[in-house]
Amino acid sequence: VSVQQAQATVVEHRKVTDVLHSWEERIHKQAQQFEKFATQVLQVDTEIISNAGRVRQLRADHAQLKAKQDVADQSIVQIAEQQEALGRLLTSLQEALKAQQPAVSPEDGGRQATTTTHQRAKVLSVQLDELDRQADDLARETQAAQSALYAEPLATVVRVLDAHARALDTMQTDVAGLVDRVQVLQSST
């Protein structure tokens, strides 16, 4: 009985050893799988952290670009308003020149008409000088806005500002023509 018990004990010991080896292999495989999974999780976490930093940077860049765009939009609106005001002033000056023809009085031989024309020409000359100065200021502001605000490629806005600058140049040419007409009127009186 003792040989049989010893053999049974040995067989039982082998079964226990086999079960322990089987568990050890399973635990080792699970540890390896867990290690692989942990490595993958670490890579994903690293990518998430990196992408979160990129998102923050993109948001900051977006806010900065939006602020620049808002400033550019405000500048464009101001330039347009100033151009409209200059256009109205130019139109009223042209209408005033057309409407005011010197009247010659037979009693004074045209002397009063000459004096009145001369005074009007002086007032008109002052107004034209102011209009010319405003046009020059607008041209400088436009150039400054183009230089300062459009270092980055904002082609559409730059084209709009160029169009405004050309309109200012045209107005300035019209003003110069009016100045010439005033000078002709002054020299004829």
Protein backbone atom coordinates (compact mmCIF):
# COMPACT_ATOMS: atom_id res chain seq x y z
CA VAL A 1 0.00 0.00 0.00
CA SER A 2 2.78 2.35 0.64
CA VAL A 3 4.23 1.90 -2.88
CA GLN A 4 0.83 2.60 -4.27
CA GLN A 5 0.45 5.58 -2.02
CA ALA A 6 3.87 6.81 -3.00
CA GLN A 7 3.02 6.39 -6.70
CA ALA A 8 -0.32 8.15 -6.16
CA THR A 9 1.47 10.96 -4.36
CA VAL A 10 4.00 11.27 -7.19
CA VAL A 11 1.20 11.31 -9.79
CA GLU A 12 -0.71 13.85 -7.72
CA HIS A 13 2.45 15.93 -7.29
CA ARG A 14 2.99 15.87 -11.08
CA LYS A 15 -0.62 16.95 -11.69
CA VAL A 16 -0.21 19.83 -9.23
CA THR A 17 3.11 20.76 -10.88
CA ASP A 18 1.48 20.62 -14.33
CA VAL A 19 -1.42 22.81 -13.14
CA LEU A 20 1.06 25.27 -11.60
CA HIS A 21 3.11 25.38 -14.84
CA SER A 22 -0.09 25.90 -16.85
CA TRP A 23 -1.12 28.81 -14.58
CA GLU A 24 2.35 30.26 -14.68
CA GLU A 25 2.28 30.21 -18.51
CA ARG A 26 -1.16 31.83 -18.57
CA ILE A 27 -0.13 34.50 -16.08
CA HIS A 28 3.06 35.15 -18.07
CA LYS A 29 1.05 35.50 -21.33
CA GLN A 30 -1.44 37.80 -19.62
CA ALA A 31 1.44 39.90 -18.24
CA GLN A 32 2.91 40.19 -21.74
CA GLN A 33 -0.49 41.14 -23.18
CA PHE A 34 -0.98 43.69 -20.41
CA GLU A 35 2.47 45.14 -21.10
CA LYS A 36 1.67 45.46 -24.82
CA PHE A 37 -1.66 47.06 -23.99
CA ALA A 38 0.00 49.46 -21.53
CA THR A 39 2.51 50.46 -24.24
CA GLN A 40 -0.32 51.10 -26.69
CA VAL A 41 -2.23 53.14 -24.11
CA LEU A 42 0.91 55.16 -23.41
CA GLN A 43 1.34 55.89 -27.13
CA VAL A 44 -2.29 56.95 -27.48
CA ASP A 45 -2.04 59.15 -24.37
CA THR A 46 1.11 60.76 -25.75
CA GLU A 47 -0.64 61.45 -29.06
CA ILE A 48 -3.68 62.89 -27.25
CA ILE A 49 -1.47 65.21 -25.19
CA SER A 50 0.43 66.29 -28.31
CA ASN A 51 -2.77 66.89 -30.25
CA ALA A 52 -4.27 68.84 -27.35
CA GLY A 53 -1.23 71.14 -27.48
CA ARG A 54 -1.70 71.57 -31.22
CA VAL A 55 -5.39 72.36 -30.73
CA ARG A 56 -4.52 75.02 -28.13
CA GLN A 57 -1.97 76.54 -30.52
CA LEU A 58 -4.46 76.48 -33.40
CA ARG A 59 -7.07 78.18 -31.22
CA ALA A 60 -4.57 80.88 -30.26
CA ASP A 61 -3.58 81.34 -33.93
CA HIS A 62 -7.25 81.50 -34.91
CA ALA A 63 -7.99 84.13 -32.27
CA GLN A 64 -5.01 86.19 -33.42
CA LEU A 65 -6.03 85.96 -37.09
CA LYS A 66 -9.63 86.82 -36.21
CA ALA A 67 -8.46 89.91 -34.32
CA LYS A 68 -6.35 90.98 -37.31
CA GLN A 69 -9.31 90.39 -39.62
CA ASP A 70 -11.57 92.48 -37.38
CA VAL A 71 -9.05 95.34 -37.42
CA ALA A 72 -8.78 95.07 -41.20
CA ASP A 73 -12.58 95.10 -41.55
CA GLN A 74 -12.83 98.19 -39.37
CA SER A 75 -10.14 99.91 -41.42
CA ILE A 76 -11.97 99.09 -44.63
CA VAL A 77 -15.23 100.47 -43.24
CA GLN A 78 -13.49 103.66 -42.10
CA ILE A 79 -11.80 104.12 -45.47
CA ALA A 80 -15.10 103.56 -47.28
CA GLU A 81 -16.83 106.12 -45.05
CA GLN A 82 -14.06 108.64 -45.63
CA GLN A 83 -14.21 108.04 -49.38
CA GLU A 84 -17.95 108.59 -49.37
CA ALA A 85 -17.52 111.84 -47.42
CA LEU A 86 -14.82 113.01 -49.83
CA GLY A 87 -17.01 112.10 -52.78
CA ARG A 88 -19.92 114.10 -51.37
CA LEU A 89 -17.63 117.06 -50.67
CA LEU A 90 -16.21 116.91 -54.18
CA THR A 91 -19.71 116.74 -55.70
CA SER A 92 -20.91 119.69 -53.65
CA LEU A 93 -17.83 121.69 -54.65
CA GLN A 94 -18.42 120.93 -58.32
CA GLU A 95 -22.08 121.90 -58.01
CA ALA A 96 -21.14 125.09 -56.19
CA LEU A 97 -18.71 126.01 -58.95
CA LYS A 98 -21.29 125.38 -61.64
CA ALA A 99 -24.06 127.22 -59.81
CA GLN A 100 -22.04 130.30 -58.93
CA GLN A 101 -21.41 132.34 -62.04
CA PRO A 102 -20.14 135.89 -61.43
CA ALA A 103 -22.71 138.55 -62.15
CA VAL A 104 -21.38 141.76 -63.74
CA SER A 105 -23.05 144.93 -62.51
CA PRO A 106 -23.13 147.88 -64.96
CA GLU A 107 -22.75 150.44 -62.15
CA ASP A 108 -19.35 149.31 -60.84
CA GLY A 109 -18.03 148.02 -64.15
CA GLY A 110 -17.72 144.45 -62.89
CA ARG A 111 -15.53 145.36 -59.90
CA GLN A 112 -17.90 143.88 -57.29
CA ALA A 113 -18.27 140.67 -59.28
CA THR A 114 -14.48 140.40 -59.47
CA THR A 115 -14.14 140.90 -55.69
CA THR A 116 -16.89 138.38 -54.97
CA THR A 117 -15.38 135.89 -57.38
CA HIS A 118 -11.98 136.42 -55.84
CA GLN A 119 -13.35 135.83 -52.32
CA ARG A 120 -15.21 132.73 -53.47
CA ALA A 121 -12.09 131.47 -55.21
CA LYS A 122 -10.09 131.92 -51.99
CA VAL A 123 -12.70 130.04 -49.95
CA LEU A 124 -12.87 127.35 -52.59
CA SER A 125 -9.08 127.15 -52.68
CA VAL A 126 -8.99 126.60 -48.91
CA GLN A 127 -11.65 123.92 -49.20
CA LEU A 128 -9.78 122.24 -52.03
CA ASP A 129 -6.54 122.32 -50.05
CA GLU A 130 -8.35 120.63 -47.16
CA LEU A 131 -9.83 118.05 -49.53
CA ASP A 132 -6.38 117.42 -50.99
CA ARG A 133 -4.91 117.02 -47.50
CA GLN A 134 -7.66 114.54 -46.55
CA ALA A 135 -7.07 112.56 -49.73
CA ASP A 136 -3.33 112.43 -48.96
CA ASP A 137 -4.09 111.30 -45.39
CA LEU A 138 -6.37 108.56 -46.68
CA ALA A 139 -3.73 107.43 -49.16
CA ARG A 140 -1.13 107.25 -46.37
CA GLU A 141 -3.55 105.40 -44.07
CA THR A 142 -4.33 102.95 -46.82
CA GLN A 143 -0.65 102.35 -47.48
CA ALA A 144 0.02 101.94 -43.75
CA ALA A 145 -2.89 99.52 -43.40
CA GLN A 146 -1.62 97.49 -46.32
CA SER A 147 1.89 97.35 -44.87
CA ALA A 148 0.97 96.68 -41.24
CA LEU A 149 -2.10 94.51 -41.47
CA TYR A 150 -1.50 92.49 -44.56
CA ALA A 151 1.94 91.02 -44.01
CA GLU A 152 0.19 87.68 -44.22
CA PRO A 153 -1.45 86.73 -47.52
CA LEU A 154 -4.92 88.22 -47.28
CA ALA A 155 -5.23 88.78 -51.02
CA THR A 156 -8.91 89.69 -51.10
CA VAL A 157 -8.58 92.41 -48.49
CA VAL A 158 -5.47 93.78 -50.18
CA ARG A 159 -7.33 93.97 -53.50
CA VAL A 160 -10.17 95.89 -51.81
CA LEU A 161 -7.71 98.33 -50.27
CA ASP A 162 -5.95 98.74 -53.62
CA ALA A 163 -9.31 99.57 -55.19
CA HIS A 164 -9.90 102.16 -52.46
CA ALA A 165 -6.44 103.60 -53.06
CA ARG A 166 -7.17 103.89 -56.78
CA ALA A 167 -10.46 105.63 -55.97
CA LEU A 168 -8.56 108.06 -53.75
CA ASP A 169 -6.09 108.72 -56.56
CA THR A 170 -8.99 109.45 -58.91
CA MET A 171 -10.50 111.84 -56.38
CA GLN A 172 -7.15 113.53 -55.97
CA THR A 173 -6.94 113.98 -59.75
CA ASP A 174 -10.44 115.49 -59.73
CA VAL A 175 -9.40 117.85 -56.93
CA ALA A 176 -6.35 118.91 -58.93
CA GLY A 177 -8.62 119.63 -61.89
CA LEU A 178 -10.86 121.76 -59.69
CA VAL A 179 -7.84 123.63 -58.36
CA ASP A 180 -6.79 124.35 -61.94
CA ARG A 181 -10.28 125.62 -62.75
CA VAL A 182 -10.24 127.88 -59.67
CA GLN A 183 -6.85 129.23 -60.67
CA VAL A 184 -8.16 129.91 -64.18
CA LEU A 185 -11.14 131.73 -62.65
CA GLN A 186 -8.82 133.73 -60.38
CA SER A 187 -6.51 134.70 -63.19
CA SER A 188 -9.41 135.76 -65.43
CA THR A 189 -10.78 138.14 -62.79
